[in-house]
Amino acid sequence: MTDTAERRRFLIDPNVYDLLVATPETQQRVIEACLDGVIELLMTHVQVDELVAMPDRAKSGRALAIPFTQVPTYGIVIALATVTRVSHNLP
C-alpha cells in the first residue's frame, strides 16, 4: 500500500464513471489503483445517488463496485440534498 501522503485523491463527476467502466480492463485497473492505495476516489451522497439512479443497472453496479470513500456535503441544495446525510458542522 502506498503511503497516504503519496496517494492521490479525486472527487470526480459521476459521468466520468461511464469511462471508468467502459471496459472490464479499465474498471479493473481503477479498482487495483484504489486497493493498492495509489488513488482514493471520493464521493458525496449526491454522487452516490446519481450512480444508483443510472438507468443502466449493470453499469450502475459496475460503477458502484469501484472502491470509494464517502465524504460529507456541507450546506443544502434543497432539490439535491438528502437532509439526513448532510453535515451540519461546517469545516
N, C-alpha and C. Protein backbone atom coordinates (compact mmCIF):
# COMPACT_ATOMS: atom_id res chain seq x y z
N MET A 1 0.84 -1.18 0.00
CA MET A 1 0.00 0.00 0.00
C MET A 1 0.88 1.24 0.00
N THR A 2 0.46 2.24 -0.72
CA THR A 2 1.19 3.49 -0.82
C THR A 2 0.96 4.33 0.43
N ASP A 3 1.98 5.05 0.85
CA ASP A 3 1.86 5.99 1.96
C ASP A 3 0.74 6.97 1.64
N THR A 4 -0.05 7.33 2.66
CA THR A 4 -1.18 8.23 2.46
C THR A 4 -0.74 9.54 1.81
N ALA A 5 0.44 10.02 2.14
CA ALA A 5 0.92 11.27 1.56
C ALA A 5 1.14 11.15 0.06
N GLU A 6 1.38 9.96 -0.43
CA GLU A 6 1.62 9.75 -1.86
C GLU A 6 0.34 9.44 -2.64
N ARG A 7 -0.69 9.04 -1.94
CA ARG A 7 -1.96 8.68 -2.59
C ARG A 7 -2.63 9.94 -3.14
N ARG A 8 -3.14 9.85 -4.34
CA ARG A 8 -3.85 10.97 -4.96
C ARG A 8 -5.34 10.79 -4.74
N ARG A 9 -5.99 11.84 -4.30
CA ARG A 9 -7.42 11.80 -4.00
C ARG A 9 -8.18 12.57 -5.07
N PHE A 10 -9.29 11.97 -5.53
CA PHE A 10 -10.09 12.57 -6.60
C PHE A 10 -11.57 12.55 -6.23
N LEU A 11 -12.23 13.65 -6.46
CA LEU A 11 -13.68 13.71 -6.40
C LEU A 11 -14.10 14.02 -7.83
N ILE A 12 -14.66 13.02 -8.49
CA ILE A 12 -14.95 13.16 -9.92
C ILE A 12 -16.45 13.16 -10.18
N ASP A 13 -16.82 13.78 -11.27
CA ASP A 13 -18.22 13.83 -11.67
C ASP A 13 -18.69 12.40 -11.98
N PRO A 14 -19.92 12.07 -11.58
CA PRO A 14 -20.44 10.72 -11.86
C PRO A 14 -20.41 10.34 -13.34
N ASN A 15 -20.47 11.30 -14.25
CA ASN A 15 -20.41 10.98 -15.67
C ASN A 15 -19.08 10.36 -16.07
N VAL A 16 -18.04 10.64 -15.32
CA VAL A 16 -16.72 10.07 -15.61
C VAL A 16 -16.73 8.55 -15.38
N TYR A 17 -17.61 8.09 -14.51
CA TYR A 17 -17.70 6.66 -14.25
C TYR A 17 -18.07 5.88 -15.51
N ASP A 18 -18.76 6.52 -16.45
CA ASP A 18 -19.04 5.87 -17.73
C ASP A 18 -17.74 5.42 -18.39
N LEU A 19 -16.73 6.27 -18.30
CA LEU A 19 -15.43 5.93 -18.88
C LEU A 19 -14.68 4.88 -18.04
N LEU A 20 -14.82 4.98 -16.72
CA LEU A 20 -14.10 4.06 -15.83
C LEU A 20 -14.60 2.63 -15.95
N VAL A 21 -15.85 2.46 -16.38
CA VAL A 21 -16.41 1.11 -16.50
C VAL A 21 -16.68 0.74 -17.96
N ALA A 22 -16.09 1.50 -18.87
CA ALA A 22 -16.32 1.26 -20.30
C ALA A 22 -15.86 -0.12 -20.73
N THR A 23 -14.77 -0.59 -20.15
CA THR A 23 -14.28 -1.94 -20.43
C THR A 23 -13.92 -2.61 -19.11
N PRO A 24 -13.99 -3.92 -19.05
CA PRO A 24 -13.59 -4.62 -17.81
C PRO A 24 -12.14 -4.32 -17.43
N GLU A 25 -11.29 -4.15 -18.43
CA GLU A 25 -9.87 -3.89 -18.16
C GLU A 25 -9.68 -2.53 -17.48
N THR A 26 -10.39 -1.53 -17.97
CA THR A 26 -10.29 -0.20 -17.37
C THR A 26 -10.82 -0.21 -15.95
N GLN A 27 -11.97 -0.83 -15.76
CA GLN A 27 -12.54 -0.92 -14.42
C GLN A 27 -11.57 -1.63 -13.47
N GLN A 28 -10.97 -2.72 -13.92
CA GLN A 28 -10.05 -3.48 -13.07
C GLN A 28 -8.82 -2.65 -12.71
N ARG A 29 -8.30 -1.89 -13.66
CA ARG A 29 -7.14 -1.03 -13.38
C ARG A 29 -7.47 0.02 -12.33
N VAL A 30 -8.66 0.59 -12.41
CA VAL A 30 -9.07 1.59 -11.42
C VAL A 30 -9.24 0.94 -10.06
N ILE A 31 -9.89 -0.22 -10.01
CA ILE A 31 -10.06 -0.93 -8.74
C ILE A 31 -8.70 -1.25 -8.13
N GLU A 32 -7.78 -1.75 -8.92
CA GLU A 32 -6.45 -2.09 -8.40
C GLU A 32 -5.74 -0.85 -7.89
N ALA A 33 -5.85 0.26 -8.60
CA ALA A 33 -5.21 1.51 -8.14
C ALA A 33 -5.79 1.94 -6.80
N CYS A 34 -7.09 1.77 -6.62
CA CYS A 34 -7.71 2.10 -5.34
C CYS A 34 -7.24 1.16 -4.23
N LEU A 35 -7.28 -0.13 -4.51
CA LEU A 35 -6.89 -1.12 -3.50
C LEU A 35 -5.41 -1.05 -3.15
N ASP A 36 -4.59 -0.66 -4.11
CA ASP A 36 -3.15 -0.52 -3.86
C ASP A 36 -2.80 0.80 -3.18
N GLY A 37 -3.79 1.67 -3.00
CA GLY A 37 -3.55 2.95 -2.33
C GLY A 37 -2.91 4.00 -3.21
N VAL A 38 -2.91 3.78 -4.51
CA VAL A 38 -2.35 4.76 -5.44
C VAL A 38 -3.29 5.96 -5.55
N ILE A 39 -4.60 5.67 -5.62
CA ILE A 39 -5.61 6.73 -5.69
C ILE A 39 -6.70 6.44 -4.66
N GLU A 40 -7.43 7.48 -4.32
CA GLU A 40 -8.62 7.34 -3.49
C GLU A 40 -9.71 8.15 -4.16
N LEU A 41 -10.81 7.50 -4.48
CA LEU A 41 -11.94 8.18 -5.10
C LEU A 41 -12.90 8.61 -4.00
N LEU A 42 -13.29 9.86 -4.04
CA LEU A 42 -14.20 10.42 -3.05
C LEU A 42 -15.55 10.68 -3.70
N MET A 43 -16.62 10.48 -2.95
CA MET A 43 -17.97 10.78 -3.44
C MET A 43 -18.82 11.31 -2.30
N THR A 44 -19.68 12.25 -2.65
CA THR A 44 -20.69 12.69 -1.70
C THR A 44 -21.93 11.82 -1.90
N HIS A 45 -22.89 11.96 -1.02
CA HIS A 45 -24.12 11.19 -1.17
C HIS A 45 -24.84 11.56 -2.46
N VAL A 46 -24.67 12.78 -2.92
CA VAL A 46 -25.32 13.21 -4.16
C VAL A 46 -24.78 12.39 -5.34
N GLN A 47 -23.47 12.21 -5.38
CA GLN A 47 -22.86 11.43 -6.47
C GLN A 47 -23.27 9.96 -6.38
N VAL A 48 -23.29 9.42 -5.17
CA VAL A 48 -23.72 8.03 -4.99
C VAL A 48 -25.16 7.87 -5.49
N ASP A 49 -26.02 8.81 -5.11
CA ASP A 49 -27.42 8.75 -5.55
C ASP A 49 -27.52 8.78 -7.07
N GLU A 50 -26.68 9.60 -7.72
CA GLU A 50 -26.70 9.66 -9.18
C GLU A 50 -26.28 8.33 -9.81
N LEU A 51 -25.28 7.68 -9.23
CA LEU A 51 -24.85 6.38 -9.77
C LEU A 51 -25.92 5.32 -9.53
N VAL A 52 -26.55 5.35 -8.37
CA VAL A 52 -27.61 4.39 -8.07
C VAL A 52 -28.78 4.55 -9.04
N ALA A 53 -29.06 5.80 -9.43
CA ALA A 53 -30.22 6.10 -10.28
C ALA A 53 -29.95 5.91 -11.77
N MET A 54 -28.77 5.45 -12.14
CA MET A 54 -28.48 5.25 -13.57
C MET A 54 -29.48 4.27 -14.17
N PRO A 55 -30.01 4.58 -15.35
CA PRO A 55 -30.98 3.68 -15.97
C PRO A 55 -30.38 2.31 -16.32
N ASP A 56 -29.11 2.28 -16.66
CA ASP A 56 -28.43 1.03 -16.98
C ASP A 56 -27.97 0.40 -15.67
N ARG A 57 -28.76 -0.54 -15.15
CA ARG A 57 -28.50 -1.15 -13.84
C ARG A 57 -27.15 -1.87 -13.81
N ALA A 58 -26.76 -2.51 -14.90
CA ALA A 58 -25.47 -3.21 -14.94
C ALA A 58 -24.32 -2.21 -14.82
N LYS A 59 -24.43 -1.10 -15.55
CA LYS A 59 -23.39 -0.08 -15.48
C LYS A 59 -23.34 0.55 -14.08
N SER A 60 -24.50 0.76 -13.50
CA SER A 60 -24.58 1.30 -12.14
C SER A 60 -23.84 0.38 -11.17
N GLY A 61 -24.09 -0.91 -11.28
CA GLY A 61 -23.43 -1.89 -10.41
C GLY A 61 -21.92 -1.90 -10.60
N ARG A 62 -21.47 -1.80 -11.85
CA ARG A 62 -20.03 -1.77 -12.12
C ARG A 62 -19.40 -0.50 -11.54
N ALA A 63 -20.10 0.62 -11.69
CA ALA A 63 -19.57 1.88 -11.16
C ALA A 63 -19.47 1.83 -9.64
N LEU A 64 -20.51 1.31 -9.00
CA LEU A 64 -20.51 1.25 -7.54
C LEU A 64 -19.58 0.17 -6.99
N ALA A 65 -19.09 -0.71 -7.85
CA ALA A 65 -18.13 -1.74 -7.42
C ALA A 65 -16.72 -1.17 -7.28
N ILE A 66 -16.50 0.02 -7.82
CA ILE A 66 -15.19 0.67 -7.68
C ILE A 66 -15.11 1.25 -6.27
N PRO A 67 -14.07 0.93 -5.51
CA PRO A 67 -13.98 1.44 -4.14
C PRO A 67 -13.98 2.97 -4.08
N PHE A 68 -14.69 3.49 -3.11
CA PHE A 68 -14.72 4.94 -2.91
C PHE A 68 -14.89 5.25 -1.43
N THR A 69 -14.56 6.45 -1.07
CA THR A 69 -14.77 6.95 0.28
C THR A 69 -15.86 8.00 0.21
N GLN A 70 -16.92 7.79 1.00
CA GLN A 70 -17.99 8.78 1.00
C GLN A 70 -17.61 9.91 1.94
N VAL A 71 -17.72 11.13 1.43
CA VAL A 71 -17.38 12.32 2.20
C VAL A 71 -18.65 13.15 2.40
N PRO A 72 -18.70 13.91 3.49
CA PRO A 72 -19.91 14.70 3.75
C PRO A 72 -20.02 15.90 2.83
N THR A 73 -21.26 16.35 2.68
CA THR A 73 -21.51 17.62 1.99
C THR A 73 -21.76 18.66 3.07
N TYR A 74 -21.55 19.89 2.72
CA TYR A 74 -21.78 20.99 3.64
C TYR A 74 -22.75 21.96 2.99
N GLY A 75 -23.78 22.32 3.72
CA GLY A 75 -24.81 23.17 3.14
C GLY A 75 -25.86 22.30 2.47
N ILE A 76 -26.90 22.92 2.01
CA ILE A 76 -28.01 22.16 1.43
C ILE A 76 -28.46 22.81 0.13
N VAL A 77 -28.62 21.98 -0.90
CA VAL A 77 -29.31 22.37 -2.12
C VAL A 77 -30.59 21.55 -2.08
N ILE A 78 -31.69 22.21 -1.79
CA ILE A 78 -32.94 21.51 -1.48
C ILE A 78 -33.32 20.48 -2.53
N ALA A 79 -33.13 20.76 -3.78
CA ALA A 79 -33.54 19.83 -4.83
C ALA A 79 -32.65 18.60 -4.89
N LEU A 80 -31.44 18.65 -4.32
CA LEU A 80 -30.50 17.55 -4.43
C LEU A 80 -30.19 16.85 -3.13
N ALA A 81 -30.13 17.59 -2.05
CA ALA A 81 -29.62 17.04 -0.80
C ALA A 81 -30.63 16.14 -0.11
N THR A 82 -30.11 15.08 0.45
CA THR A 82 -30.88 14.24 1.35
C THR A 82 -30.53 14.76 2.74
N VAL A 83 -31.45 15.45 3.36
CA VAL A 83 -31.16 16.23 4.56
C VAL A 83 -30.50 15.40 5.65
N THR A 84 -30.87 14.16 5.79
CA THR A 84 -30.28 13.33 6.86
C THR A 84 -28.82 12.99 6.59
N ARG A 85 -28.33 13.21 5.35
CA ARG A 85 -26.96 12.86 5.05
C ARG A 85 -26.07 14.08 4.82
N VAL A 86 -26.54 15.25 5.24
CA VAL A 86 -25.75 16.46 5.09
C VAL A 86 -25.13 16.78 6.44
N SER A 87 -23.85 17.11 6.43
CA SER A 87 -23.19 17.51 7.67
C SER A 87 -23.58 18.94 8.00
N HIS A 88 -24.01 19.15 9.21
CA HIS A 88 -24.38 20.49 9.64
C HIS A 88 -23.22 21.18 10.36
N ASN A 89 -22.11 20.49 10.50
CA ASN A 89 -20.91 21.05 11.11
C ASN A 89 -19.97 21.48 10.01
N LEU A 90 -19.87 22.78 9.80
CA LEU A 90 -19.00 23.28 8.76
C LEU A 90 -17.56 23.03 9.12
N PRO A 91 -16.71 22.81 8.10
CA PRO A 91 -15.30 22.52 8.40
C PRO A 91 -14.60 23.70 9.03
